[in-house]
N, C-alpha and C. Protein backbone atom coordinates (compact mmCIF):
# COMPACT_ATOMS: atom_id res chain seq x y z
N UNK A 1 131.99 133.82 79.02
CA UNK A 1 132.09 132.44 79.36
C UNK A 1 130.84 132.21 80.32
N UNK A 2 130.64 133.06 81.21
CA UNK A 2 129.57 132.97 82.34
C UNK A 2 128.17 133.00 81.59
N UNK A 3 128.04 133.73 80.56
CA UNK A 3 126.68 133.84 79.91
C UNK A 3 126.61 132.57 79.08
N UNK A 4 127.52 131.92 78.62
CA UNK A 4 127.43 130.75 77.80
C UNK A 4 126.91 129.51 78.73
N UNK A 5 127.47 129.40 79.84
CA UNK A 5 127.08 128.45 80.89
C UNK A 5 125.70 128.73 81.35
N UNK A 6 125.33 129.97 81.59
CA UNK A 6 124.00 130.41 82.16
C UNK A 6 123.06 129.98 80.95
N UNK A 7 123.34 130.29 79.71
CA UNK A 7 122.39 129.99 78.58
C UNK A 7 122.29 128.50 78.42
N UNK A 8 123.38 127.78 78.59
CA UNK A 8 123.25 126.35 78.54
C UNK A 8 122.29 125.65 79.63
N UNK A 9 122.60 126.11 80.85
CA UNK A 9 121.77 125.70 81.93
C UNK A 9 120.30 126.11 81.75
N UNK A 10 120.07 127.32 81.16
CA UNK A 10 118.69 127.72 80.93
C UNK A 10 118.06 126.72 79.92
N UNK A 11 118.84 126.45 78.81
CA UNK A 11 118.40 125.58 77.73
C UNK A 11 118.04 124.20 78.33
N UNK A 12 118.93 123.64 79.21
CA UNK A 12 118.71 122.37 79.75
C UNK A 12 117.47 122.39 80.63
N UNK A 13 117.17 123.47 81.34
CA UNK A 13 116.11 123.60 82.30
C UNK A 13 114.85 123.56 81.27
N UNK A 14 114.84 124.28 80.14
CA UNK A 14 113.72 124.42 79.44
C UNK A 14 113.33 122.96 78.85
N UNK A 15 114.42 122.27 78.34
CA UNK A 15 114.27 120.89 77.84
C UNK A 15 113.65 119.96 79.02
N UNK A 16 114.21 120.16 80.21
CA UNK A 16 113.67 119.27 81.20
C UNK A 16 112.23 119.59 81.54
N UNK A 17 111.93 120.79 81.44
CA UNK A 17 110.52 121.17 81.69
C UNK A 17 109.56 120.59 80.58
N UNK A 18 110.06 120.67 79.42
CA UNK A 18 109.29 120.11 78.36
C UNK A 18 109.02 118.60 78.42
N UNK A 19 110.25 117.99 78.75
CA UNK A 19 110.09 116.42 78.93
C UNK A 19 109.11 116.14 80.14
N UNK A 20 109.27 116.81 81.13
CA UNK A 20 108.42 116.60 82.31
C UNK A 20 106.93 116.79 81.93
N UNK A 21 106.73 117.83 81.13
CA UNK A 21 105.42 118.16 80.77
C UNK A 21 104.77 117.07 79.98
N UNK A 22 105.58 116.58 79.09
CA UNK A 22 105.06 115.34 78.27
C UNK A 22 104.83 114.14 79.05
N UNK A 23 105.74 113.87 80.08
CA UNK A 23 105.43 112.73 80.89
C UNK A 23 104.25 112.98 81.82
N UNK A 24 103.93 114.15 82.24
CA UNK A 24 102.84 114.44 83.03
C UNK A 24 101.49 114.16 82.14
N UNK A 25 101.53 114.60 80.96
CA UNK A 25 100.43 114.40 80.07
C UNK A 25 100.17 112.84 79.88
N UNK A 26 101.20 112.10 79.74
CA UNK A 26 101.08 110.70 79.62
C UNK A 26 100.48 110.04 80.89
N UNK A 27 101.03 110.56 81.98
CA UNK A 27 100.52 109.94 83.35
C UNK A 27 98.99 110.40 83.55
N UNK A 28 98.66 111.50 83.13
CA UNK A 28 97.17 111.99 83.36
C UNK A 28 96.34 111.12 82.38
N UNK A 29 96.83 110.72 81.15
CA UNK A 29 96.00 109.83 80.24
C UNK A 29 95.84 108.53 80.86
N UNK A 30 96.95 107.91 81.35
CA UNK A 30 96.87 106.62 82.02
C UNK A 30 95.97 106.76 83.19
N UNK A 31 96.02 107.68 84.00
CA UNK A 31 95.15 107.84 85.19
C UNK A 31 93.66 107.99 84.73
N UNK A 32 93.41 108.73 83.73
CA UNK A 32 92.05 108.79 83.17
C UNK A 32 91.56 107.43 82.74
N UNK A 33 92.48 106.73 82.22
CA UNK A 33 92.04 105.34 81.69
C UNK A 33 91.74 104.38 82.86
N UNK A 34 92.56 104.51 83.88
CA UNK A 34 92.34 103.61 85.13
C UNK A 34 91.05 104.06 85.88
N UNK A 35 90.67 105.40 85.85
CA UNK A 35 89.46 105.80 86.40
C UNK A 35 88.28 105.26 85.65
N UNK A 36 88.44 105.32 84.35
CA UNK A 36 87.38 104.84 83.54
C UNK A 36 87.10 103.33 83.83
N UNK A 37 88.15 102.60 83.88
CA UNK A 37 88.03 101.11 84.09
C UNK A 37 87.44 100.81 85.59
N UNK A 38 87.96 101.68 86.50
CA UNK A 38 87.44 101.61 87.87
C UNK A 38 85.92 101.78 87.94
N UNK A 39 85.44 102.81 87.23
CA UNK A 39 84.04 103.24 87.11
C UNK A 39 83.27 102.00 86.43
N UNK A 40 83.67 101.43 85.41
CA UNK A 40 83.06 100.28 84.77
C UNK A 40 82.94 99.12 85.76
N UNK A 41 84.09 98.99 86.35
CA UNK A 41 83.98 97.79 87.43
C UNK A 41 83.10 98.00 88.56
N UNK A 42 82.93 99.27 88.98
CA UNK A 42 82.01 99.60 90.01
C UNK A 42 80.48 99.39 89.46
N UNK A 43 80.23 99.75 88.26
CA UNK A 43 78.92 99.51 87.73
C UNK A 43 78.63 98.03 87.60
N UNK A 44 79.61 97.26 87.18
CA UNK A 44 79.51 95.82 87.09
C UNK A 44 79.14 95.16 88.62
N UNK A 45 79.99 95.58 89.46
CA UNK A 45 79.84 95.14 90.85
C UNK A 45 78.47 95.54 91.42
N UNK A 46 77.94 96.80 91.13
CA UNK A 46 76.75 97.17 91.66
C UNK A 46 75.58 96.30 90.98
N UNK A 47 75.72 95.93 89.70
CA UNK A 47 74.80 95.10 89.03
C UNK A 47 74.85 93.76 89.58
N UNK A 48 75.98 93.17 89.97
CA UNK A 48 76.07 91.91 90.60
C UNK A 48 75.32 91.85 91.94
N UNK A 49 75.61 92.88 92.68
CA UNK A 49 75.06 93.09 94.04
C UNK A 49 73.53 93.03 93.94
N UNK A 50 73.01 93.77 92.97
CA UNK A 50 71.56 93.77 92.76
C UNK A 50 71.05 92.45 92.46
N UNK A 51 71.75 91.73 91.66
CA UNK A 51 71.36 90.35 91.39
C UNK A 51 71.42 89.52 92.56
N UNK A 52 72.44 89.51 93.34
CA UNK A 52 72.54 88.73 94.63
C UNK A 52 71.44 89.13 95.59
N UNK A 53 71.10 90.39 95.66
CA UNK A 53 69.99 90.77 96.58
C UNK A 53 68.71 90.29 96.23
N UNK A 54 68.43 90.21 94.81
CA UNK A 54 67.25 89.64 94.38
C UNK A 54 67.17 88.17 94.60
N UNK A 55 68.33 87.51 94.40
CA UNK A 55 68.38 86.01 94.72
C UNK A 55 68.09 85.78 96.12
N UNK A 56 68.64 86.70 97.10
CA UNK A 56 68.52 86.51 98.44
C UNK A 56 67.00 86.64 98.75
N UNK A 57 66.25 87.64 98.17
CA UNK A 57 64.85 87.84 98.43
C UNK A 57 64.08 86.64 98.00
N UNK A 58 64.41 86.08 96.75
CA UNK A 58 63.86 84.89 96.26
C UNK A 58 64.01 83.69 97.35
N UNK A 59 65.17 83.50 97.73
CA UNK A 59 65.50 82.37 98.64
C UNK A 59 64.69 82.50 99.97
N UNK A 60 64.71 83.80 100.49
CA UNK A 60 63.98 84.07 101.63
C UNK A 60 62.48 83.77 101.53
N UNK A 61 61.89 84.11 100.41
CA UNK A 61 60.49 83.80 100.27
C UNK A 61 60.14 82.39 100.09
N UNK A 62 61.02 81.76 99.53
CA UNK A 62 60.92 80.21 99.28
C UNK A 62 60.98 79.60 100.66
N UNK A 63 61.99 80.06 101.38
CA UNK A 63 62.26 79.44 102.81
C UNK A 63 60.94 79.76 103.65
N UNK A 64 60.48 80.89 103.55
CA UNK A 64 59.17 81.12 104.34
C UNK A 64 57.94 80.37 103.89
N UNK A 65 57.90 80.16 102.57
CA UNK A 65 56.81 79.26 101.97
C UNK A 65 56.93 77.86 102.48
N UNK A 66 58.19 77.39 102.44
CA UNK A 66 58.39 75.98 102.87
C UNK A 66 58.09 75.84 104.35
N UNK A 67 58.50 76.84 105.11
CA UNK A 67 58.12 76.82 106.60
C UNK A 67 56.56 76.78 106.83
N UNK A 68 55.91 77.68 106.04
CA UNK A 68 54.32 77.57 106.15
C UNK A 68 53.89 76.20 105.68
N UNK A 69 54.42 75.60 104.62
CA UNK A 69 53.92 74.29 104.26
C UNK A 69 54.19 73.25 105.26
N UNK A 70 55.36 73.30 105.84
CA UNK A 70 55.82 72.32 106.83
C UNK A 70 54.90 72.57 108.11
N UNK A 71 54.55 73.76 108.47
CA UNK A 71 53.68 74.05 109.56
C UNK A 71 52.18 73.52 109.36
N UNK A 72 51.74 73.55 108.15
CA UNK A 72 50.48 73.05 107.82
C UNK A 72 50.44 71.64 107.88
N UNK A 73 51.65 70.89 107.34
CA UNK A 73 51.69 69.48 107.39
C UNK A 73 51.74 69.01 108.88
N UNK A 74 52.45 69.67 109.65
CA UNK A 74 52.52 69.36 111.05
C UNK A 74 51.16 69.36 111.72
N UNK A 75 50.46 70.41 111.40
CA UNK A 75 49.19 70.59 111.90
C UNK A 75 48.24 69.50 111.58
N UNK A 76 48.32 69.22 110.16
CA UNK A 76 47.35 68.12 109.70
C UNK A 76 47.70 66.85 110.33
N UNK A 77 49.04 66.45 110.44
CA UNK A 77 49.40 65.18 110.96
C UNK A 77 49.07 65.18 112.48
N UNK A 78 49.12 66.37 113.14
CA UNK A 78 48.77 66.33 114.64
C UNK A 78 47.25 65.95 114.79
N UNK A 79 46.52 66.48 113.88
CA UNK A 79 45.07 66.11 114.01
C UNK A 79 44.84 64.69 113.74
């Protein structure tokens, strides 16, 4: 009787390990999918930052140009 109980417990342990192994594989697949989505989002965010930096440079150069134009106008009207 003791051998039967031991064999049953061992069989249950094997089944539990197999089920946990399958679950672990599914979790790893989901994690890989999330990592891929995160990496895609990072690339998108980096591209957006590059665009914003480019716009900031454009706005800064326009602001400086308008400042120069205003300075020339003030100089001309002062004369």
